[in-house]
PDB file of N, CA and C in Angstrom:
ATOM      1  N   MET A   1      90.719  90.537  94.471  1.00  0.00           N
ATOM      2  CA  MET A   1      89.615  90.628  93.542  1.00  0.00           C
ATOM      3  C   MET A   1      89.870  89.686  92.367  1.00  0.00           C
ATOM      4  N   ARG A   2      88.854  88.940  92.009  1.00  0.00           N
ATOM      5  CA  ARG A   2      88.962  87.985  90.914  1.00  0.00           C
ATOM      6  C   ARG A   2      88.887  88.699  89.568  1.00  0.00           C
ATOM      7  N   GLN A   3      89.823  88.383  88.693  1.00  0.00           N
ATOM      8  CA  GLN A   3      89.859  88.999  87.367  1.00  0.00           C
ATOM      9  C   GLN A   3      89.131  88.112  86.369  1.00  0.00           C
ATOM     10  N   GLU A   4      88.299  88.729  85.545  1.00  0.00           N
ATOM     11  CA  GLU A   4      87.554  88.003  84.517  1.00  0.00           C
ATOM     12  C   GLU A   4      88.486  87.576  83.391  1.00  0.00           C
ATOM     13  N   PRO A   5      88.256  86.388  82.818  1.00  0.00           N
ATOM     14  CA  PRO A   5      89.058  85.978  81.654  1.00  0.00           C
ATOM     15  C   PRO A   5      88.764  86.893  80.476  1.00  0.00           C
ATOM     16  N   PRO A   6      89.718  86.998  79.555  1.00  0.00           N
ATOM     17  CA  PRO A   6      89.570  87.942  78.439  1.00  0.00           C
ATOM     18  C   PRO A   6      88.681  87.408  77.319  1.00  0.00           C
ATOM     19  N   TYR A   7      87.371  87.313  77.576  1.00  0.00           N
ATOM     20  CA  TYR A   7      86.455  86.855  76.533  1.00  0.00           C
ATOM     21  C   TYR A   7      86.341  87.915  75.442  1.00  0.00           C
ATOM     22  N   PRO A   8      86.089  87.490  74.218  1.00  0.00           N
ATOM     23  CA  PRO A   8      85.978  88.451  73.121  1.00  0.00           C
ATOM     24  C   PRO A   8      84.844  89.450  73.358  1.00  0.00           C
ATOM     25  N   ARG A   9      85.120  90.701  73.024  1.00  0.00           N
ATOM     26  CA  ARG A   9      84.103  91.752  73.088  1.00  0.00           C
ATOM     27  C   ARG A   9      83.527  92.017  71.712  1.00  0.00           C
ATOM     28  N   GLU A  10      84.373  91.922  70.705  1.00  0.00           N
ATOM     29  CA  GLU A  10      83.949  92.225  69.342  1.00  0.00           C
ATOM     30  C   GLU A  10      84.858  91.486  68.377  1.00  0.00           C
ATOM     31  N   GLU A  11      84.311  91.144  67.214  1.00  0.00           N
ATOM     32  CA  GLU A  11      85.121  90.570  66.143  1.00  0.00           C
ATOM     33  C   GLU A  11      84.893  91.384  64.882  1.00  0.00           C
ATOM     34  N   GLN A  12      85.982  91.608  64.143  1.00  0.00           N
ATOM     35  CA  GLN A  12      85.905  92.268  62.844  1.00  0.00           C
ATOM     36  C   GLN A  12      86.547  91.352  61.817  1.00  0.00           C
ATOM     37  N   TYR A  13      85.995  91.385  60.606  1.00  0.00           N
ATOM     38  CA  TYR A  13      86.444  90.482  59.548  1.00  0.00           C
ATOM     39  C   TYR A  13      86.841  91.263  58.305  1.00  0.00           C
ATOM     40  N   GLN A  14      87.835  90.747  57.618  1.00  0.00           N
ATOM     41  CA  GLN A  14      88.188  91.220  56.283  1.00  0.00           C
ATOM     42  C   GLN A  14      88.460  89.988  55.436  1.00  0.00           C
ATOM     43  N   THR A  15      88.137  90.092  54.158  1.00  0.00           N
ATOM     44  CA  THR A  15      88.399  89.007  53.222  1.00  0.00           C
ATOM     45  C   THR A  15      89.567  89.404  52.340  1.00  0.00           C
ATOM     46  N   TRP A  16      90.514  88.492  52.197  1.00  0.00           N
ATOM     47  CA  TRP A  16      91.648  88.684  51.289  1.00  0.00           C
ATOM     48  C   TRP A  16      91.491  87.666  50.183  1.00  0.00           C
ATOM     49  N   THR A  17      91.563  88.119  48.950  1.00  0.00           N
ATOM     50  CA  THR A  17      91.498  87.201  47.814  1.00  0.00           C
ATOM     51  C   THR A  17      92.680  87.471  46.887  1.00  0.00           C
ATOM     52  N   GLY A  18      93.227  86.403  46.361  1.00  0.00           N
ATOM     53  CA  GLY A  18      94.327  86.501  45.424  1.00  0.00           C
ATOM     54  C   GLY A  18      94.778  85.120  45.012  1.00  0.00           C
ATOM     55  N   GLU A  19      95.286  85.019  43.801  1.00  0.00           N
ATOM     56  CA  GLU A  19      95.779  83.750  43.275  1.00  0.00           C
ATOM     57  C   GLU A  19      94.717  82.650  43.359  1.00  0.00           C
ATOM     58  N   GLY A  20      93.451  83.042  43.205  1.00  0.00           N
ATOM     59  CA  GLY A  20      92.358  82.072  43.247  1.00  0.00           C
ATOM     60  C   GLY A  20      92.024  81.549  44.625  1.00  0.00           C
ATOM     61  N   VAL A  21      92.483  82.239  45.666  1.00  0.00           N
ATOM     62  CA  VAL A  21      92.296  81.793  47.048  1.00  0.00           C
ATOM     63  C   VAL A  21      91.585  82.885  47.835  1.00  0.00           C
ATOM     64  N   ARG A  22      90.728  82.461  48.754  1.00  0.00           N
ATOM     65  CA  ARG A  22      90.060  83.396  49.659  1.00  0.00           C
ATOM     66  C   ARG A  22      90.479  83.084  51.087  1.00  0.00           C
ATOM     67  N   LEU A  23      90.917  84.099  51.811  1.00  0.00           N
ATOM     68  CA  LEU A  23      91.257  83.970  53.229  1.00  0.00           C
ATOM     69  C   LEU A  23      90.392  84.931  54.025  1.00  0.00           C
ATOM     70  N   GLU A  24      89.980  84.510  55.206  1.00  0.00           N
ATOM     71  CA  GLU A  24      89.264  85.396  56.119  1.00  0.00           C
ATOM     72  C   GLU A  24      90.239  85.834  57.202  1.00  0.00           C
ATOM     73  N   ILE A  25      90.346  87.136  57.407  1.00  0.00           N
ATOM     74  CA  ILE A  25      91.184  87.685  58.463  1.00  0.00           C
ATOM     75  C   ILE A  25      90.239  88.100  59.584  1.00  0.00           C
ATOM     76  N   VAL A  26      90.527  87.640  60.807  1.00  0.00           N
ATOM     77  CA  VAL A  26      89.656  87.903  61.947  1.00  0.00           C
ATOM     78  C   VAL A  26      90.450  88.620  63.028  1.00  0.00           C
ATOM     79  N   ALA A  27      89.963  89.792  63.428  1.00  0.00           N
ATOM     80  CA  ALA A  27      90.528  90.522  64.559  1.00  0.00           C
ATOM     81  C   ALA A  27      89.501  90.464  65.685  1.00  0.00           C
ATOM     82  N   THR A  28      89.919  89.978  66.847  1.00  0.00           N
ATOM     83  CA  THR A  28      89.021  89.792  67.979  1.00  0.00           C
ATOM     84  C   THR A  28      89.463  90.679  69.137  1.00  0.00           C
ATOM     85  N   GLU A  29      88.563  91.555  69.570  1.00  0.00           N
ATOM     86  CA  GLU A  29      88.884  92.434  70.695  1.00  0.00           C
ATOM     87  C   GLU A  29      88.652  91.708  72.009  1.00  0.00           C
ATOM     88  N   LEU A  30      89.622  91.773  72.884  1.00  0.00           N
ATOM     89  CA  LEU A  30      89.512  91.177  74.204  1.00  0.00           C
ATOM     90  C   LEU A  30      89.121  92.245  75.227  1.00  0.00           C
ATOM     91  N   GLN A  31      88.779  91.818  76.425  1.00  0.00           N
ATOM     92  CA  GLN A  31      88.318  92.756  77.436  1.00  0.00           C
ATOM     93  C   GLN A  31      89.362  93.794  77.818  1.00  0.00           C
ATOM     94  N   ASP A  32      90.633  93.477  77.626  1.00  0.00           N
ATOM     95  CA  ASP A  32      91.677  94.450  77.968  1.00  0.00           C
ATOM     96  C   ASP A  32      91.893  95.481  76.859  1.00  0.00           C
ATOM     97  N   GLY A  33      91.081  95.403  75.776  1.00  0.00           N
ATOM     98  CA  GLY A  33      91.174  96.372  74.699  1.00  0.00           C
ATOM     99  C   GLY A  33      92.181  96.013  73.614  1.00  0.00           C
ATOM    100  N   ARG A  34      92.950  94.964  73.808  1.00  0.00           N
ATOM    101  CA  ARG A  34      93.903  94.509  72.797  1.00  0.00           C
ATOM    102  C   ARG A  34      93.154  93.640  71.785  1.00  0.00           C
ATOM    103  N   TRP A  35      93.785  93.398  70.625  1.00  0.00           N
ATOM    104  CA  TRP A  35      93.163  92.633  69.547  1.00  0.00           C
ATOM    105  C   TRP A  35      93.999  91.420  69.206  1.00  0.00           C
ATOM    106  N   ASN A  36      93.368  90.256  69.152  1.00  0.00           N
ATOM    107  CA  ASN A  36      94.010  89.036  68.671  1.00  0.00           C
ATOM    108  C   ASN A  36      93.793  88.940  67.164  1.00  0.00           C
ATOM    109  N   LEU A  37      94.597  88.097  66.514  1.00  0.00           N
ATOM    110  CA  LEU A  37      94.557  87.997  65.057  1.00  0.00           C
ATOM    111  C   LEU A  37      94.589  86.552  64.617  1.00  0.00           C
ATOM    112  N   ALA A  38      93.773  86.238  63.616  1.00  0.00           N
ATOM    113  CA  ALA A  38      93.782  84.908  63.004  1.00  0.00           C
ATOM    114  C   ALA A  38      93.476  85.048  61.516  1.00  0.00           C
ATOM    115  N   VAL A  39      94.015  84.120  60.724  1.00  0.00           N
ATOM    116  CA  VAL A  39      93.693  84.017  59.303  1.00  0.00           C
ATOM    117  C   VAL A  39      93.150  82.612  59.087  1.00  0.00           C
ATOM    118  N   ILE A  40      91.995  82.517  58.425  1.00  0.00           N
ATOM    119  CA  ILE A  40      91.333  81.229  58.200  1.00  0.00           C
ATOM    120  C   ILE A  40      91.341  80.945  56.706  1.00  0.00           C
ATOM    121  N   ASN A  41      91.844  79.752  56.336  1.00  0.00           N
ATOM    122  CA  ASN A  41      91.857  79.424  54.907  1.00  0.00           C
ATOM    123  C   ASN A  41      90.546  78.757  54.499  1.00  0.00           C
ATOM    124  N   GLU A  42      90.426  78.428  53.226  1.00  0.00           N
ATOM    125  CA  GLU A  42      89.179  77.882  52.684  1.00  0.00           C
ATOM    126  C   GLU A  42      88.805  76.522  53.256  1.00  0.00           C
ATOM    127  N   ARG A  43      89.759  75.834  53.842  1.00  0.00           N
ATOM    128  CA  ARG A  43      89.477  74.524  54.442  1.00  0.00           C
ATOM    129  C   ARG A  43      89.180  74.637  55.930  1.00  0.00           C
ATOM    130  N   GLY A  44      89.195  75.849  56.450  1.00  0.00           N
ATOM    131  CA  GLY A  44      88.877  76.063  57.857  1.00  0.00           C
ATOM    132  C   GLY A  44      90.070  75.954  58.791  1.00  0.00           C
ATOM    133  N   VAL A  45      91.285  75.918  58.238  1.00  0.00           N
ATOM    134  CA  VAL A  45      92.487  75.852  59.062  1.00  0.00           C
ATOM    135  C   VAL A  45      92.855  77.273  59.486  1.00  0.00           C
ATOM    136  N   TRP A  46      93.041  77.471  60.796  1.00  0.00           N
ATOM    137  CA  TRP A  46      93.340  78.777  61.369  1.00  0.00           C
ATOM    138  C   TRP A  46      94.841  78.939  61.561  1.00  0.00           C
ATOM    139  N   SER A  47      95.357  80.112  61.195  1.00  0.00           N
ATOM    140  CA  SER A  47      96.708  80.540  61.558  1.00  0.00           C
ATOM    141  C   SER A  47      96.511  81.638  62.601  1.00  0.00           C
ATOM    142  N   ILE A  48      96.991  81.406  63.810  1.00  0.00           N
ATOM    143  CA  ILE A  48      96.730  82.321  64.923  1.00  0.00           C
ATOM    144  C   ILE A  48      98.033  82.957  65.389  1.00  0.00           C
ATOM    145  N   TRP A  49      98.009  84.262  65.567  1.00  0.00           N
ATOM    146  CA  TRP A  49      99.162  84.994  66.083  1.00  0.00           C
ATOM    147  C   TRP A  49      99.148  84.905  67.609  1.00  0.00           C
ATOM    148  N   TYR A  50     100.326  84.769  68.196  1.00  0.00           N
ATOM    149  CA  TYR A  50     100.438  84.726  69.653  1.00  0.00           C
ATOM    150  C   TYR A  50     100.417  86.122  70.265  1.00  0.00           C
ATOM    151  N   GLU A  51     100.927  87.107  69.535  1.00  0.00           N
ATOM    152  CA  GLU A  51     100.924  88.461  70.083  1.00  0.00           C
ATOM    153  C   GLU A  51      99.577  89.118  69.829  1.00  0.00           C
ATOM    154  N   SER A  52      99.292  90.165  70.595  1.00  0.00           N
ATOM    155  CA  SER A  52      98.070  90.932  70.389  1.00  0.00           C
ATOM    156  C   SER A  52      98.455  92.332  69.910  1.00  0.00           C
ATOM    157  N   PHE A  53      97.457  93.088  69.456  1.00  0.00           N
ATOM    158  CA  PHE A  53      97.695  94.365  68.802  1.00  0.00           C
ATOM    159  C   PHE A  53      96.816  95.446  69.423  1.00  0.00           C
ATOM    160  N   ALA A  54      97.269  96.692  69.302  1.00  0.00           N
ATOM    161  CA  ALA A  54      96.567  97.812  69.926  1.00  0.00           C
ATOM    162  C   ALA A  54      95.219  98.102  69.260  1.00  0.00           C
ATOM    163  N   THR A  55      95.128  97.874  67.945  1.00  0.00           N
ATOM    164  CA  THR A  55      93.886  98.151  67.214  1.00  0.00           C
ATOM    165  C   THR A  55      93.586  97.018  66.232  1.00  0.00           C
ATOM    166  N   ALA A  56      92.340  96.950  65.812  1.00  0.00           N
ATOM    167  CA  ALA A  56      91.960  95.963  64.794  1.00  0.00           C
ATOM    168  C   ALA A  56      92.671  96.269  63.484  1.00  0.00           C
ATOM    169  N   GLU A  57      92.773  97.555  63.136  1.00  0.00           N
ATOM    170  CA  GLU A  57      93.425  97.916  61.876  1.00  0.00           C
ATOM    171  C   GLU A  57      94.889  97.496  61.869  1.00  0.00           C
ATOM    172  N   THR A  58      95.571  97.629  63.005  1.00  0.00           N
ATOM    173  CA  THR A  58      96.961  97.172  63.092  1.00  0.00           C
ATOM    174  C   THR A  58      97.028  95.665  62.866  1.00  0.00           C
ATOM    175  N   ALA A  59      96.105  94.927  63.466  1.00  0.00           N
ATOM    176  CA  ALA A  59      96.068  93.473  63.275  1.00  0.00           C
ATOM    177  C   ALA A  59      95.855  93.131  61.803  1.00  0.00           C
ATOM    178  N   PHE A  60      94.919  93.822  61.144  1.00  0.00           N
ATOM    179  CA  PHE A  60      94.664  93.576  59.725  1.00  0.00           C
ATOM    180  C   PHE A  60      95.908  93.880  58.882  1.00  0.00           C
ATOM    181  N   GLU A  61      96.596  94.962  59.193  1.00  0.00           N
ATOM    182  CA  GLU A  61      97.813  95.317  58.453  1.00  0.00           C
ATOM    183  C   GLU A  61      98.879  94.231  58.610  1.00  0.00           C
ATOM    184  N   VAL A  62      99.036  93.711  59.830  1.00  0.00           N
ATOM    185  CA  VAL A  62     100.017  92.645  60.072  1.00  0.00           C
ATOM    186  C   VAL A  62      99.661  91.407  59.256  1.00  0.00           C
ATOM    187  N   ALA A  63      98.377  91.048  59.216  1.00  0.00           N
ATOM    188  CA  ALA A  63      97.951  89.876  58.449  1.00  0.00           C
ATOM    189  C   ALA A  63      98.205  90.062  56.964  1.00  0.00           C
ATOM    190  N   ARG A  64      97.817  91.213  56.428  1.00  0.00           N
ATOM    191  CA  ARG A  64      98.021  91.463  54.992  1.00  0.00           C
ATOM    192  C   ARG A  64      99.509  91.440  54.639  1.00  0.00           C
ATOM    193  N   ARG A  65     100.336  92.030  55.493  1.00  0.00           N
ATOM    194  CA  ARG A  65     101.781  92.032  55.246  1.00  0.00           C
ATOM    195  C   ARG A  65     102.336  90.607  55.290  1.00  0.00           C
ATOM    196  N   ALA A  66     101.862  89.795  56.245  1.00  0.00           N
ATOM    197  CA  ALA A  66     102.323  88.403  56.341  1.00  0.00           C
ATOM    198  C   ALA A  66     101.930  87.617  55.094  1.00  0.00           C
ATOM    199  N   ILE A  67     100.717  87.817  54.600  1.00  0.00           N
ATOM    200  CA  ILE A  67     100.269  87.115  53.396  1.00  0.00           C
ATOM    201  C   ILE A  67     101.133  87.514  52.205  1.00  0.00           C
ATOM    202  N   GLU A  68     101.412  88.811  52.092  1.00  0.00           N
ATOM    203  CA  GLU A  68     102.223  89.293  50.967  1.00  0.00           C
ATOM    204  C   GLU A  68     103.682  88.839  51.078  1.00  0.00           C
ATOM    205  N   GLU A  69     104.260  88.913  52.278  1.00  0.00           N
ATOM    206  CA  GLU A  69     105.685  88.597  52.446  1.00  0.00           C
ATOM    207  C   GLU A  69     105.954  87.090  52.484  1.00  0.00           C
ATOM    208  N   GLU A  70     105.099  86.338  53.165  1.00  0.00           N
ATOM    209  CA  GLU A  70     105.324  84.896  53.304  1.00  0.00           C
ATOM    210  C   GLU A  70     104.758  84.110  52.142  1.00  0.00           C
ATOM    211  N   GLY A  71     103.802  84.702  51.440  1.00  0.00           N
ATOM    212  CA  GLY A  71     103.167  84.034  50.312  1.00  0.00           C
ATOM    213  C   GLY A  71     101.908  83.296  50.731  1.00  0.00           C
ATOM    214  N   ILE A  72     100.995  83.236  49.800  1.00  0.00           N
ATOM    215  CA  ILE A  72      99.697  82.604  50.061  1.00  0.00           C
ATOM    216  C   ILE A  72      99.838  81.136  50.424  1.00  0.00           C
ATOM    217  N   GLU A  73     100.868  80.483  49.891  1.00  0.00           N
ATOM    218  CA  GLU A  73     101.063  79.055  50.147  1.00  0.00           C
ATOM    219  C   GLU A  73     101.187  78.753  51.642  1.00  0.00           C
ATOM    220  N   GLU A  74     101.761  79.660  52.391  1.00  0.00           N
ATOM    221  CA  GLU A  74     101.909  79.457  53.835  1.00  0.00           C
ATOM    222  C   GLU A  74     100.564  79.336  54.536  1.00  0.00           C
ATOM    223  N   PHE A  75      99.519  79.885  53.947  1.00  0.00           N
ATOM    224  CA  PHE A  75      98.207  79.892  54.578  1.00  0.00           C
ATOM    225  C   PHE A  75      97.254  78.851  54.001  1.00  0.00           C
ATOM    226  N   VAL A  76      97.624  78.245  52.869  1.00  0.00           N
ATOM    227  CA  VAL A  76      96.733  77.246  52.264  1.00  0.00           C
ATOM    228  C   VAL A  76      97.300  75.836  52.317  1.00  0.00           C
ATOM    229  N   ARG A  77      98.539  75.703  52.701  1.00  0.00           N
ATOM    230  CA  ARG A  77      99.157  74.376  52.800  1.00  0.00           C
ATOM    231  C   ARG A  77      98.371  73.540  53.811  1.00  0.00           C
ATOM    232  N   ILE A  78      98.114  72.278  53.481  1.00  0.00           N
ATOM    233  CA  ILE A  78      97.312  71.451  54.387  1.00  0.00           C
ATOM    234  C   ILE A  78      98.083  70.273  54.965  1.00  0.00           C
ATOM    235  N   GLU A  79      99.401  70.294  54.874  1.00  0.00           N
ATOM    236  CA  GLU A  79     100.169  69.218  55.485  1.00  0.00           C
ATOM    237  C   GLU A  79      99.741  69.090  56.943  1.00  0.00           C
ATOM    238  N   GLU A  80      99.535  67.888  57.379  1.00  0.00           N
ATOM    239  CA  GLU A  80      99.043  67.539  58.706  1.00  0.00           C
ATOM    240  C   GLU A  80      97.549  67.807  58.854  1.00  0.00           C
ATOM    241  N   PHE A  81      96.892  68.345  57.807  1.00  0.00           N
ATOM    242  CA  PHE A  81      95.460  68.571  57.839  1.00  0.00           C
ATOM    243  C   PHE A  81      94.788  67.871  56.655  1.00  0.00           C
ATOM    244  N   GLU A  82      95.413  66.781  56.167  1.00  0.00           N
ATOM    245  CA  GLU A  82      94.887  66.090  54.996  1.00  0.00           C
ATOM    246  C   GLU A  82      93.450  65.616  55.197  1.00  0.00           C
ATOM    247  N   CYS A  83      93.046  65.405  56.425  1.00  0.00           N
ATOM    248  CA  CYS A  83      91.676  64.960  56.684  1.00  0.00           C
ATOM    249  C   CYS A  83      90.658  65.995  56.219  1.00  0.00           C
ATOM    250  N   LEU A  84      91.094  67.234  55.995  1.00  0.00           N
ATOM    251  CA  LEU A  84      90.195  68.282  55.531  1.00  0.00           C
ATOM    252  C   LEU A  84      90.086  68.332  54.015  1.00  0.00           C
ATOM    253  N   ASP A  85      90.889  67.535  53.338  1.00  0.00           N
ATOM    254  CA  ASP A  85      90.885  67.516  51.887  1.00  0.00           C
ATOM    255  C   ASP A  85      89.596  66.870  51.389  1.00  0.00           C
ATOM    256  N   GLU A  86      89.067  67.363  50.279  1.00  0.00           N
ATOM    257  CA  GLU A  86      87.821  66.831  49.719  1.00  0.00           C
ATOM    258  C   GLU A  86      87.906  65.350  49.404  1.00  0.00           C
ATOM    259  N   SER A  87      89.097  64.855  49.122  1.00  0.00           N
ATOM    260  CA  SER A  87      89.231  63.438  48.800  1.00  0.00           C
ATOM    261  C   SER A  87      88.940  62.551  50.014  1.00  0.00           C
ATOM    262  N   HIS A  88      88.884  63.141  51.193  1.00  0.00           N
ATOM    263  CA  HIS A  88      88.550  62.388  52.402  1.00  0.00           C
ATOM    264  C   HIS A  88      87.069  62.517  52.753  1.00  0.00           C
ATOM    265  N   GLY A  89      86.272  63.076  51.845  1.00  0.00           N
ATOM    266  CA  GLY A  89      84.829  63.159  52.045  1.00  0.00           C
ATOM    267  C   GLY A  89      84.372  64.281  52.943  1.00  0.00           C
ATOM    268  N   VAL A  90      85.206  65.285  53.171  1.00  0.00           N
ATOM    269  CA  VAL A  90      84.827  66.408  54.013  1.00  0.00           C
ATOM    270  C   VAL A  90      84.590  67.608  53.135  1.00  0.00           C
ATOM    271  N   ASP A  91      83.481  68.321  53.377  1.00  0.00           N
ATOM    272  CA  ASP A  91      83.200  69.535  52.626  1.00  0.00           C
ATOM    273  C   ASP A  91      84.120  70.630  53.150  1.00  0.00           C
ATOM    274  N   SER A  92      85.031  71.103  52.303  1.00  0.00           N
ATOM    275  CA  SER A  92      86.056  72.044  52.741  1.00  0.00           C
ATOM    276  C   SER A  92      85.711  73.493  52.445  1.00  0.00           C
ATOM    277  N   THR A  93      84.502  73.767  52.003  1.00  0.00           N
ATOM    278  CA  THR A  93      84.159  75.141  51.659  1.00  0.00           C
ATOM    279  C   THR A  93      83.853  75.927  52.924  1.00  0.00           C
ATOM    280  N   MET A  94      84.182  77.213  52.869  1.00  0.00           N
ATOM    281  CA  MET A  94      83.895  78.084  53.988  1.00  0.00           C
ATOM    282  C   MET A  94      82.423  78.479  53.928  1.00  0.00           C
ATOM    283  N   PRO A  95      81.793  78.688  55.069  1.00  0.00           N
ATOM    284  CA  PRO A  95      80.387  79.113  55.050  1.00  0.00           C
ATOM    285  C   PRO A  95      80.272  80.499  54.434  1.00  0.00           C
ATOM    286  N   PRO A  96      79.153  80.770  53.760  1.00  0.00           N
ATOM    287  CA  PRO A  96      78.978  82.096  53.154  1.00  0.00           C
ATOM    288  C   PRO A  96      78.882  83.164  54.233  1.00  0.00           C
ATOM    289  N   GLN A  97      79.375  84.331  53.921  1.00  0.00           N
ATOM    290  CA  GLN A  97      79.322  85.462  54.874  1.00  0.00           C
ATOM    291  C   GLN A  97      78.093  86.283  54.652  1.00  0.00           C
TER     292      GLN A  97
END
């Protein structure tokens, strides 16, 4: 029997703000019921976790803990993504929610 790929079933969002920065935390439910996790910075750069989580709330807790423990700089640094900087003529603002 052919197994379907794990396309997203649902996405949940939380906004984290601090130190003048806004991050979007995204938990995506897959068909197997597990949740993937990503954090998106204001320039649209995604930090994606390789592991999945049993619940969306667990994923959100992991993201918040990572932001607090690793520091906001880990999520806003744009090294290797300089093309997203406003000085390169790209609008780096996140779309309104």
